[in-house]
Amino acid sequence: MSAPSILVVDDDPKMLSLMKRGLSYAGYEADLAADGEEALAIARDHPPALVVLDVMLPGLDGLEVCRRLRAGDPELPILMLTAKGRVPDRVAGLDAGADDYLVKPFAFDELLARIRALLRRARPGDEEMLRFADVVVDPSTREVERGGHRIELTTKEYELLEFFLRHPRQVLSRELIFERVWGSDYLGGSNVIDVHVMRMRDKLEVDGMSRLVHTVRGAGYSLRER
């Protein structure tokens, strides 16, 4: 299955660039729009799985864009972003049809968590299974199987494996892994990532099963078959 497509609407080029990069790392496809008219055109031609919509836009503001998107698709998940955190502003966004509301500046991990929650709500019981080789992961239950056998992982081991599964065959640096899985900057002298990868490997390679998470010397790790 293809990755869920997320439409990001914001008139700040730097924000659009950051969102595209961050969403891509998290396993999503991102369509970008700098104003309301462009957003409506993209949503019409390439219906997204979810919309991240800034309130302050040139021309059509975010509230009007939200109303029009909601009129066209009552089930479309819409997450609104704004620099205004007052209660009346949040109420206006929700009344316009938004499903959720996030105030700038925000932590990207919180944005991803809200996106996952909205997508689960839109597709109850039908979140996409993650598969690579003979590994199968159900993100909705966090159950992991390899070759039909259940694998018990700790919370952080699971989050690490899910991150690899969402970026197969890519070389992922320790800095990136630490940022996306631990949610903070990587301390170069720390071996916490190596320790967690080693423990996760031990569980995935039980009974002589082949290695899937490989060390790329001087660069990081990569999920790939031999």
Protein backbone atom coordinates (compact mmCIF):
# COMPACT_ATOMS: atom_id res chain seq x y z
CA MET A 1 0.00 0.00 0.00
CA SER A 2 1.11 3.55 -0.65
CA ALA A 3 1.85 5.89 2.22
CA PRO A 4 -1.01 8.12 3.41
CA SER A 5 -1.00 11.49 1.62
CA ILE A 6 -1.17 14.59 3.80
CA LEU A 7 -1.98 18.03 2.39
CA VAL A 8 -0.12 20.80 4.23
CA VAL A 9 -1.42 24.35 3.75
CA ASP A 10 0.78 27.20 5.00
CA ASP A 11 2.04 30.45 3.46
CA ASP A 12 5.46 30.15 5.14
CA PRO A 13 7.95 28.45 2.75
CA LYS A 14 10.20 27.42 5.64
CA MET A 15 7.30 25.77 7.44
CA LEU A 16 6.28 23.92 4.27
CA SER A 17 9.85 22.68 3.79
CA LEU A 18 10.13 21.51 7.40
CA MET A 19 6.75 19.80 7.26
CA LYS A 20 7.55 17.98 4.02
CA ARG A 21 10.86 16.72 5.36
CA GLY A 22 9.44 15.68 8.72
CA LEU A 23 6.39 13.95 7.25
CA SER A 24 8.54 12.13 4.71
CA TYR A 25 10.80 10.84 7.48
CA ALA A 26 7.69 9.66 9.33
CA GLY A 27 6.53 7.64 6.31
CA TYR A 28 3.91 9.96 4.83
CA GLU A 29 3.60 11.59 1.43
CA ALA A 30 3.16 15.37 1.59
CA ASP A 31 1.42 17.71 -0.87
CA LEU A 32 2.10 21.39 -0.24
CA ALA A 33 -0.07 24.46 -0.80
CA ALA A 34 0.81 28.08 -0.04
CA ASP A 35 -2.74 29.48 -0.14
CA GLY A 36 -6.35 28.45 0.10
CA GLU A 37 -7.15 28.32 -3.60
CA GLU A 38 -4.17 26.06 -4.28
CA ALA A 39 -5.18 23.84 -1.37
CA LEU A 40 -8.72 23.41 -2.67
CA ALA A 41 -7.42 22.58 -6.15
CA ILE A 42 -5.02 19.95 -4.82
CA ALA A 43 -7.69 18.42 -2.58
CA ARG A 44 -10.03 18.20 -5.56
CA ASP A 45 -7.50 16.62 -7.94
CA HIS A 46 -5.61 14.46 -5.42
CA PRO A 47 -7.82 13.81 -2.38
CA PRO A 48 -5.61 13.59 0.73
CA ALA A 49 -5.96 11.26 3.68
CA LEU A 50 -5.64 14.25 6.02
CA VAL A 51 -5.15 18.04 5.86
CA VAL A 52 -2.87 20.14 8.07
CA LEU A 53 -4.21 23.67 7.64
CA ASP A 54 -2.85 26.99 8.88
CA VAL A 55 -5.47 29.56 9.88
CA MET A 56 -3.64 32.67 8.63
CA LEU A 57 -3.51 32.46 4.84
CA PRO A 58 -3.49 35.08 2.06
CA GLY A 59 -6.79 35.37 0.20
CA LEU A 60 -9.08 32.68 1.54
CA ASP A 61 -8.26 32.24 5.22
CA GLY A 62 -7.93 28.85 6.83
CA LEU A 63 -11.39 28.92 8.37
CA GLU A 64 -13.05 29.37 4.98
CA VAL A 65 -10.82 26.72 3.41
CA CYS A 66 -11.80 24.37 6.24
CA ARG A 67 -15.51 25.02 5.63
CA ARG A 68 -15.16 24.29 1.92
CA LEU A 69 -13.10 21.15 2.47
CA ARG A 70 -15.61 19.91 5.02
CA ALA A 71 -18.52 20.64 2.66
CA GLY A 72 -16.81 18.59 -0.05
CA ASP A 73 -15.87 15.67 2.20
CA PRO A 74 -17.56 15.39 5.60
CA GLU A 75 -15.18 12.57 6.64
CA LEU A 76 -11.87 14.26 5.75
CA PRO A 77 -9.65 14.66 8.87
CA ILE A 78 -8.57 18.31 9.26
CA LEU A 79 -5.95 19.51 11.74
CA MET A 80 -5.70 23.28 12.05
CA LEU A 81 -2.54 25.18 13.00
CA THR A 82 -2.44 28.70 14.36
CA ALA A 83 -0.30 31.12 16.30
CA LYS A 84 -3.41 32.15 18.22
CA GLY A 85 -4.02 30.09 21.32
CA ARG A 86 -7.02 31.90 22.81
CA VAL A 87 -10.13 29.86 23.47
CA PRO A 88 -12.34 31.87 21.02
CA ASP A 89 -9.80 31.21 18.24
CA ARG A 90 -9.79 27.47 18.93
CA VAL A 91 -13.58 27.42 19.06
CA ALA A 92 -13.76 29.24 15.70
CA GLY A 93 -11.54 26.60 14.10
CA LEU A 94 -13.54 23.70 15.52
CA ASP A 95 -16.82 25.35 14.54
CA ALA A 96 -15.50 25.72 10.97
CA GLY A 97 -15.18 21.93 10.81
CA ALA A 98 -11.70 21.15 12.08
CA ASP A 99 -11.21 17.85 13.93
CA ASP A 100 -8.26 19.04 15.99
CA TYR A 101 -6.33 22.21 16.72
CA LEU A 102 -2.61 22.74 17.41
CA VAL A 103 -1.03 26.04 18.48
CA LYS A 104 2.31 27.18 17.04
CA PRO A 105 5.07 26.65 17.95
CA PHE A 106 4.53 22.94 18.48
CA ALA A 107 6.63 19.82 18.98
CA PHE A 108 6.74 17.80 15.77
CA ASP A 109 6.28 14.56 17.70
CA GLU A 110 2.99 15.92 19.04
CA LEU A 111 1.89 16.80 15.50
CA LEU A 112 2.67 13.24 14.37
CA ALA A 113 0.77 11.79 17.32
CA ARG A 114 -2.29 13.89 16.47
CA ILE A 115 -2.04 12.87 12.81
CA ARG A 116 -1.91 9.19 13.76
CA ALA A 117 -4.91 9.62 16.06
CA LEU A 118 -6.97 11.36 13.37
CA LEU A 119 -6.09 8.74 10.78
CA ARG A 120 -7.06 5.95 13.19
CA ARG A 121 -10.35 7.71 13.84
CA ALA A 122 -10.97 8.03 10.11
CA ARG A 123 -10.16 4.35 9.53
CA PRO A 124 -11.24 2.58 12.74
CA GLY A 125 -9.72 -0.87 13.03
CA ASP A 126 -8.09 -0.56 9.61
CA GLU A 127 -4.68 1.00 10.20
CA GLU A 128 -2.20 -0.21 7.61
CA MET A 129 -0.06 -3.20 8.61
CA LEU A 130 3.68 -2.71 8.29
CA ARG A 131 5.54 -5.51 6.52
CA PHE A 132 9.12 -6.22 5.57
CA ALA A 133 10.44 -9.67 4.60
CA ASP A 134 8.74 -12.00 7.12
CA VAL A 135 8.17 -9.29 9.75
CA VAL A 136 4.59 -8.07 10.26
CA VAL A 137 3.67 -5.23 12.62
CA ASP A 138 0.18 -4.02 13.55
CA PRO A 139 0.57 -0.34 14.58
CA SER A 140 -2.90 -0.26 16.15
CA THR A 141 -2.04 -2.99 18.67
CA ARG A 142 1.79 -2.82 18.51
CA GLU A 143 1.90 -6.57 17.95
CA VAL A 144 5.02 -7.86 16.18
CA GLU A 145 5.40 -11.18 14.40
CA ARG A 146 8.26 -12.73 12.46
CA GLY A 147 7.70 -15.87 10.47
CA GLY A 148 4.34 -16.26 12.18
CA HIS A 149 5.87 -16.16 15.67
CA ARG A 150 4.99 -13.41 18.17
CA ILE A 151 7.91 -11.16 19.17
CA GLU A 152 7.73 -9.31 22.51
CA LEU A 153 9.44 -5.91 22.38
CA THR A 154 9.75 -3.14 24.93
CA THR A 155 8.09 0.20 24.12
CA LYS A 156 11.28 1.78 22.84
CA GLU A 157 12.31 -1.34 20.89
CA TYR A 158 8.91 -1.33 19.21
CA GLU A 159 9.17 2.38 18.32
CA LEU A 160 12.64 1.76 16.91
CA LEU A 161 11.44 -1.17 14.78
CA GLU A 162 8.42 0.80 13.53
CA PHE A 163 10.70 3.65 12.49
CA PHE A 164 12.87 1.23 10.49
CA LEU A 165 9.79 -0.36 8.90
CA ARG A 166 8.52 3.03 7.76
CA HIS A 167 11.88 3.72 6.09
CA PRO A 168 13.01 0.42 4.58
CA ARG A 169 16.35 0.24 2.76
CA GLN A 170 17.26 3.79 3.79
CA VAL A 171 20.45 4.51 5.72
CA LEU A 172 19.26 6.15 8.94
CA SER A 173 21.83 8.09 10.95
CA ARG A 174 22.01 7.83 14.72
CA GLU A 175 21.17 11.55 14.91
CA LEU A 176 17.95 11.04 12.94
CA ILE A 177 16.97 7.91 14.87
CA PHE A 178 17.48 9.68 18.19
CA GLU A 179 15.47 12.70 17.07
CA ARG A 180 12.52 10.68 15.73
CA VAL A 181 12.39 7.84 18.27
CA TRP A 182 13.66 9.53 21.45
CA GLY A 183 12.42 13.00 20.52
CA SER A 184 15.59 14.88 21.41
CA ASP A 185 19.03 15.76 20.08
CA TYR A 186 21.57 12.94 19.86
CA LEU A 187 24.50 13.01 22.26
CA GLY A 188 27.44 11.71 20.24
CA GLY A 189 29.03 9.85 23.13
CA SER A 190 25.87 7.92 24.01
CA ASN A 191 25.50 4.27 22.98
CA VAL A 192 21.79 4.08 23.83
CA ILE A 193 20.81 3.52 20.18
CA ASP A 194 23.36 0.76 19.69
CA VAL A 195 22.18 -0.99 22.86
CA HIS A 196 18.52 -0.87 21.81
CA VAL A 197 19.31 -2.05 18.28
CA MET A 198 21.33 -4.97 19.70
CA ARG A 199 18.47 -6.00 22.00
CA MET A 200 15.92 -5.68 19.20
CA ARG A 201 18.13 -7.78 16.90
CA ASP A 202 18.45 -10.50 19.53
CA LYS A 203 14.67 -10.82 19.65
CA LEU A 204 14.16 -10.65 15.88
CA GLU A 205 16.96 -13.13 15.13
CA VAL A 206 15.79 -15.85 17.51
CA ASP A 207 16.27 -19.43 16.28
CA GLY A 208 18.85 -18.36 13.72
CA MET A 209 16.60 -16.06 11.69
CA SER A 210 18.46 -13.79 9.27
CA ARG A 211 19.56 -10.27 10.13
CA LEU A 212 17.38 -7.45 8.81
CA VAL A 213 18.71 -4.36 10.64
CA HIS A 214 22.27 -3.86 9.42
CA THR A 215 24.99 -1.56 10.68
CA VAL A 216 26.29 0.84 8.05
CA ARG A 217 29.77 1.68 9.27
CA GLY A 218 30.20 5.37 9.97
CA ALA A 219 26.65 6.18 8.81
CA GLY A 220 24.03 4.47 10.97
CA TYR A 221 21.64 1.57 10.37
CA SER A 222 19.53 0.24 7.52
CA LEU A 223 16.61 -2.20 7.32
CA ARG A 224 17.32 -4.48 4.36
CA GLU A 225 17.62 -8.09 3.36
CA ARG A 226 21.01 -9.51 2.39
